[in-house]
C-alpha atoms as a PDB file:
ATOM      1  CA  MET A   1     -14.772  22.344  18.079  1.00  0.00           C
ATOM      2  CA  TRP A   2     -12.542  21.245  15.777  1.00  0.00           C
ATOM      3  CA  ILE A   3      -8.728  22.272  15.434  1.00  0.00           C
ATOM      4  CA  PHE A   4      -5.643  21.769  13.127  1.00  0.00           C
ATOM      5  CA  LEU A   5      -2.519  22.480  14.480  1.00  0.00           C
ATOM      6  CA  THR A   6      -1.704  26.095  14.198  1.00  0.00           C
ATOM      7  CA  GLY A   7       2.070  27.475  13.566  1.00  0.00           C
ATOM      8  CA  ARG A   8       3.830  24.458  13.684  1.00  0.00           C
ATOM      9  CA  ASN A   9       3.529  24.827  17.388  1.00  0.00           C
ATOM     10  CA  THR A  10       1.766  20.500  18.407  1.00  0.00           C
ATOM     11  CA  LYS A  11       1.843  22.465  22.189  1.00  0.00           C
ATOM     12  CA  LYS A  12      -1.246  23.971  21.192  1.00  0.00           C
ATOM     13  CA  MET A  13      -3.355  20.589  20.144  1.00  0.00           C
ATOM     14  CA  ASN A  14      -5.370  19.257  22.890  1.00  0.00           C
ATOM     15  CA  ARG A  15      -7.763  16.825  22.458  1.00  0.00           C
ATOM     16  CA  THR A  16      -9.747  17.585  18.957  1.00  0.00           C
ATOM     17  CA  ARG A  17     -12.666  16.564  17.773  1.00  0.00           C
ATOM     18  CA  SER A  18     -13.531  14.236  14.269  1.00  0.00           C
ATOM     19  CA  PRO A  19     -13.786  17.015  11.567  1.00  0.00           C
ATOM     20  CA  ARG A  20     -16.572  14.746  10.301  1.00  0.00           C
ATOM     21  CA  ALA A  21     -18.054  14.479  13.863  1.00  0.00           C
ATOM     22  CA  TYR A  22     -17.868  10.890  14.305  1.00  0.00           C
ATOM     23  CA  PRO A  23     -19.155  10.495  17.603  1.00  0.00           C
ATOM     24  CA  GLY A  24     -16.806   9.894  20.685  1.00  0.00           C
ATOM     25  CA  ILE A  25     -13.560  10.232  18.420  1.00  0.00           C
ATOM     26  CA  TYR A  26     -10.983  12.456  19.212  1.00  0.00           C
ATOM     27  CA  ILE A  27      -7.240  12.890  17.913  1.00  0.00           C
ATOM     28  CA  ARG A  28      -4.680  13.854  20.303  1.00  0.00           C
ATOM     29  CA  LYS A  29      -0.703  13.754  20.931  1.00  0.00           C
ATOM     30  CA  ALA A  30       0.788  10.442  22.010  1.00  0.00           C
ATOM     31  CA  ASN A  31       1.520   9.713  25.607  1.00  0.00           C
ATOM     32  CA  GLN A  32       3.623   7.730  26.938  1.00  0.00           C
ATOM     33  CA  SER A  33       1.141   5.795  29.016  1.00  0.00           C
ATOM     34  CA  ASP A  34      -0.665   5.134  25.089  1.00  0.00           C
ATOM     35  CA  LEU A  35       2.005   2.875  24.685  1.00  0.00           C
ATOM     36  CA  PRO A  36       1.133  -0.446  25.761  1.00  0.00           C
ATOM     37  CA  ALA A  37      -2.510  -0.348  24.181  1.00  0.00           C
ATOM     38  CA  ILE A  38      -0.869   0.949  20.662  1.00  0.00           C
ATOM     39  CA  MET A  39       1.646  -1.936  21.394  1.00  0.00           C
ATOM     40  CA  ALA A  40      -1.583  -4.633  22.383  1.00  0.00           C
ATOM     41  CA  PHE A  41      -3.375  -4.140  19.136  1.00  0.00           C
ATOM     42  CA  ASP A  42      -0.591  -4.067  17.215  1.00  0.00           C
ATOM     43  CA  GLU A  43       0.552  -7.584  18.668  1.00  0.00           C
ATOM     44  CA  ARG A  44      -3.596  -8.690  17.253  1.00  0.00           C
ATOM     45  CA  SER A  45      -2.483  -7.407  13.973  1.00  0.00           C
ATOM     46  CA  ASN A  46       0.877  -8.372  13.372  1.00  0.00           C
ATOM     47  CA  ARG A  47       1.541 -11.146  16.160  1.00  0.00           C
ATOM     48  CA  GLU A  48       4.681  -9.846  17.397  1.00  0.00           C
ATOM     49  CA  VAL A  49       5.518  -6.493  19.480  1.00  0.00           C
ATOM     50  CA  ASN A  50       8.228  -4.871  20.000  1.00  0.00           C
ATOM     51  CA  PRO A  51       8.280  -2.913  23.255  1.00  0.00           C
ATOM     52  CA  ARG A  52      11.975  -1.320  22.811  1.00  0.00           C
ATOM     53  CA  TYR A  53      10.631  -0.639  18.982  1.00  0.00           C
ATOM     54  CA  TRP A  54       7.661   1.716  20.633  1.00  0.00           C
ATOM     55  CA  GLN A  55       9.628   3.257  22.938  1.00  0.00           C
ATOM     56  CA  ALA A  56      12.088   4.555  20.774  1.00  0.00           C
ATOM     57  CA  MET A  57       9.603   5.711  18.519  1.00  0.00           C
ATOM     58  CA  PHE A  58       7.527   7.411  21.178  1.00  0.00           C
ATOM     59  CA  GLU A  59      11.504   9.102  22.388  1.00  0.00           C
ATOM     60  CA  ARG A  60      12.022  10.155  18.577  1.00  0.00           C
ATOM     61  CA  TYR A  61       8.201  11.502  17.184  1.00  0.00           C
ATOM     62  CA  GLY A  62       6.436  11.561  20.782  1.00  0.00           C
ATOM     63  CA  ASP A  63       8.097  15.327  22.130  1.00  0.00           C
ATOM     64  CA  ASP A  64       6.868  18.245  20.793  1.00  0.00           C
ATOM     65  CA  LYS A  65       9.274  19.046  17.470  1.00  0.00           C
ATOM     66  CA  ASP A  66       8.397  21.025  14.550  1.00  0.00           C
ATOM     67  CA  LYS A  67       8.672  18.649  11.807  1.00  0.00           C
ATOM     68  CA  GLN A  68       7.331  15.292  13.674  1.00  0.00           C
ATOM     69  CA  LEU A  69       4.377  13.964  15.219  1.00  0.00           C
ATOM     70  CA  PHE A  70       3.080  10.872  16.731  1.00  0.00           C
ATOM     71  CA  LEU A  71      -0.458  10.918  17.328  1.00  0.00           C
ATOM     72  CA  VAL A  72      -3.549   8.923  18.624  1.00  0.00           C
ATOM     73  CA  CYS A  73      -6.558   8.656  18.279  1.00  0.00           C
ATOM     74  CA  GLU A  74      -9.487   7.946  21.085  1.00  0.00           C
ATOM     75  CA  LYS A  75     -12.558   6.153  20.849  1.00  0.00           C
ATOM     76  CA  ASP A  76     -15.001   5.832  24.064  1.00  0.00           C
ATOM     77  CA  ALA A  77     -11.733   6.585  26.476  1.00  0.00           C
ATOM     78  CA  GLU A  78      -9.741   3.970  24.664  1.00  0.00           C
ATOM     79  CA  ILE A  79      -6.713   3.961  22.229  1.00  0.00           C
ATOM     80  CA  ALA A  80      -8.598   3.224  18.718  1.00  0.00           C
ATOM     81  CA  GLY A  81      -5.101   4.048  16.555  1.00  0.00           C
ATOM     82  CA  PHE A  82      -2.618   5.961  15.917  1.00  0.00           C
ATOM     83  CA  ILE A  83      -0.208   7.467  12.957  1.00  0.00           C
ATOM     84  CA  ILE A  84       3.414   8.535  12.955  1.00  0.00           C
ATOM     85  CA  GLY A  85       4.435  11.235  10.467  1.00  0.00           C
ATOM     86  CA  GLU A  86       7.144  13.694   9.882  1.00  0.00           C
ATOM     87  CA  VAL A  87       8.569  16.644   6.984  1.00  0.00           C
ATOM     88  CA  ARG A  88      11.390  15.450   5.663  1.00  0.00           C
ATOM     89  CA  ASP A  89      13.566  17.779   3.339  1.00  0.00           C
ATOM     90  CA  TRP A  90      15.425  16.972  -0.205  1.00  0.00           C
ATOM     91  CA  GLU A  91      16.135  13.565  -0.120  1.00  0.00           C
ATOM     92  CA  PHE A  92      17.234  12.513  -3.443  1.00  0.00           C
ATOM     93  CA  GLY A  93      16.177  16.301  -4.768  1.00  0.00           C
ATOM     94  CA  SER A  94      13.145  15.813  -3.925  1.00  0.00           C
ATOM     95  CA  ARG A  95      11.543  19.123  -2.507  1.00  0.00           C
ATOM     96  CA  PRO A  96      10.217  19.219   1.438  1.00  0.00           C
ATOM     97  CA  CYS A  97       7.353  17.033   2.122  1.00  0.00           C
ATOM     98  CA  GLY A  98       5.305  15.035   4.489  1.00  0.00           C
ATOM     99  CA  TRP A  99       5.745  11.324   5.380  1.00  0.00           C
ATOM    100  CA  VAL A 100       3.525   8.817   6.831  1.00  0.00           C
ATOM    101  CA  PHE A 101       5.540   5.841   7.674  1.00  0.00           C
ATOM    102  CA  ALA A 102       3.391   4.304  10.516  1.00  0.00           C
ATOM    103  CA  LEU A 103      -0.347   3.863  10.607  1.00  0.00           C
ATOM    104  CA  GLY A 104      -2.067   1.482  12.852  1.00  0.00           C
ATOM    105  CA  VAL A 105      -6.179   0.926  13.690  1.00  0.00           C
ATOM    106  CA  ARG A 106      -7.018  -1.631  16.596  1.00  0.00           C
ATOM    107  CA  PRO A 107      -8.841  -4.711  14.532  1.00  0.00           C
ATOM    108  CA  ASP A 108     -12.291  -3.932  15.787  1.00  0.00           C
ATOM    109  CA  MET A 109     -12.197  -0.046  15.191  1.00  0.00           C
ATOM    110  CA  ARG A 110     -11.650  -0.889  11.271  1.00  0.00           C
ATOM    111  CA  LEU A 111     -14.267   0.722   9.002  1.00  0.00           C
ATOM    112  CA  ALA A 112     -15.151   3.224  11.637  1.00  0.00           C
ATOM    113  CA  GLY A 113     -13.282   6.646  10.597  1.00  0.00           C
ATOM    114  CA  VAL A 114     -10.347   6.205  12.563  1.00  0.00           C
ATOM    115  CA  ALA A 115      -7.251   5.849   9.797  1.00  0.00           C
ATOM    116  CA  THR A 116      -9.298   8.724   7.800  1.00  0.00           C
ATOM    117  CA  GLN A 117      -9.604  10.978  10.779  1.00  0.00           C
ATOM    118  CA  LEU A 118      -6.125  10.260  11.665  1.00  0.00           C
ATOM    119  CA  TYR A 119      -4.362  11.182   8.141  1.00  0.00           C
ATOM    120  CA  THR A 120      -6.584  14.084   7.830  1.00  0.00           C
ATOM    121  CA  VAL A 121      -5.315  15.459  11.237  1.00  0.00           C
ATOM    122  CA  MET A 122      -1.417  14.322  10.128  1.00  0.00           C
ATOM    123  CA  CYS A 123      -2.175  16.014   6.366  1.00  0.00           C
ATOM    124  CA  GLY A 124      -2.975  19.162   8.745  1.00  0.00           C
ATOM    125  CA  PHE A 125       0.202  19.819  10.448  1.00  0.00           C
ATOM    126  CA  PHE A 126       1.964  19.130   6.848  1.00  0.00           C
ATOM    127  CA  ARG A 127       0.463  21.674   5.369  1.00  0.00           C
ATOM    128  CA  GLU A 128       1.202  24.361   8.461  1.00  0.00           C
ATOM    129  CA  ALA A 129       4.777  22.923   8.123  1.00  0.00           C
ATOM    130  CA  GLY A 130       4.389  24.556   4.485  1.00  0.00           C
ATOM    131  CA  VAL A 131       4.940  21.404   2.700  1.00  0.00           C
ATOM    132  CA  LYS A 132       2.459  20.489  -0.620  1.00  0.00           C
ATOM    133  CA  LYS A 133       2.486  16.422  -0.539  1.00  0.00           C
ATOM    134  CA  VAL A 134       2.590  13.877   1.432  1.00  0.00           C
ATOM    135  CA  ARG A 135       4.352  10.811   0.886  1.00  0.00           C
ATOM    136  CA  THR A 136       4.145   7.326   2.153  1.00  0.00           C
ATOM    137  CA  MET A 137       5.100   3.364   0.909  1.00  0.00           C
ATOM    138  CA  VAL A 138       2.882   0.525   1.175  1.00  0.00           C
ATOM    139  CA  GLY A 139       3.911  -3.202   0.817  1.00  0.00           C
ATOM    140  CA  ARG A 140       3.191  -4.417  -2.694  1.00  0.00           C
ATOM    141  CA  LEU A 141       0.923  -6.951  -1.523  1.00  0.00           C
ATOM    142  CA  ASP A 142      -0.944  -4.905   1.252  1.00  0.00           C
ATOM    143  CA  ASN A 143      -4.382  -4.358  -0.402  1.00  0.00           C
ATOM    144  CA  ASP A 144      -5.383  -3.024   2.826  1.00  0.00           C
ATOM    145  CA  PHE A 145      -3.566   0.023   2.876  1.00  0.00           C
ATOM    146  CA  HIS A 146      -3.163   0.888  -0.782  1.00  0.00           C
ATOM    147  CA  SER A 147      -7.061   0.702  -0.895  1.00  0.00           C
ATOM    148  CA  PHE A 148      -6.722   3.220   2.256  1.00  0.00           C
ATOM    149  CA  PHE A 149      -4.137   5.272   0.702  1.00  0.00           C
ATOM    150  CA  ARG A 150      -5.921   5.674  -2.827  1.00  0.00           C
ATOM    151  CA  SER A 151      -9.041   6.478  -0.844  1.00  0.00           C
ATOM    152  CA  GLN A 152      -7.253   9.640   0.483  1.00  0.00           C
ATOM    153  CA  GLY A 153      -6.428  10.586  -3.519  1.00  0.00           C
ATOM    154  CA  MET A 154      -3.111   9.379  -2.815  1.00  0.00           C
ATOM    155  CA  VAL A 155      -1.272   7.792  -6.147  1.00  0.00           C
ATOM    156  CA  ALA A 156       1.891   6.474  -7.474  1.00  0.00           C
ATOM    157  CA  GLY A 157       4.553   9.050  -7.278  1.00  0.00           C
ATOM    158  CA  PRO A 158       8.017  10.078  -8.994  1.00  0.00           C
ATOM    159  CA  TYR A 159      10.171   7.275  -7.028  1.00  0.00           C
ATOM    160  CA  VAL A 160      10.664   4.063  -7.416  1.00  0.00           C
ATOM    161  CA  GLN A 161      12.052   1.917  -4.206  1.00  0.00           C
ATOM    162  CA  LEU A 162      14.695  -0.547  -4.787  1.00  0.00           C
ATOM    163  CA  GLU A 163      16.412  -2.678  -1.956  1.00  0.00           C
ATOM    164  CA  LYS A 164      19.334  -5.461  -1.936  1.00  0.00           C
ATOM    165  CA  GLU A 165      19.620  -8.553   0.386  1.00  0.00           C
ATOM    166  CA  LEU A 166      23.304  -8.112   2.215  1.00  0.00           C
END
């Protein structure tokens, strides 16, 4: 059975089967108990882990909120990936849109449909929230993320990111 979030009420979301029926893949809201697994495969990917960062992310995005969502993917009862997103309103004149700002997949689970399923569910959440666009930001040299998001139909948007050393 496949369900998207309904009525922007994430309390209605339970364990959901992948829409493409990948065997054993389920998407659900993150729990506090998921953080050690997320930190462990994030550490394998990035070579560093910050427990305070992940605790803060869970506290900010893990609770039921209308515009924010922290999901995990389970494969064979183990955490295989996560995604965090939110609806942002009127930044720099932009109409409300969905933002994906964290996505991770356990290294041994890459190319197994995990990121696609997480992204699909997140986009369903954004649609239910009434937004018509989803955005993200990726490192210029991060070819894996570029390839993934482009494979999902994303293209360069109308904004340019700027920064300055302080």
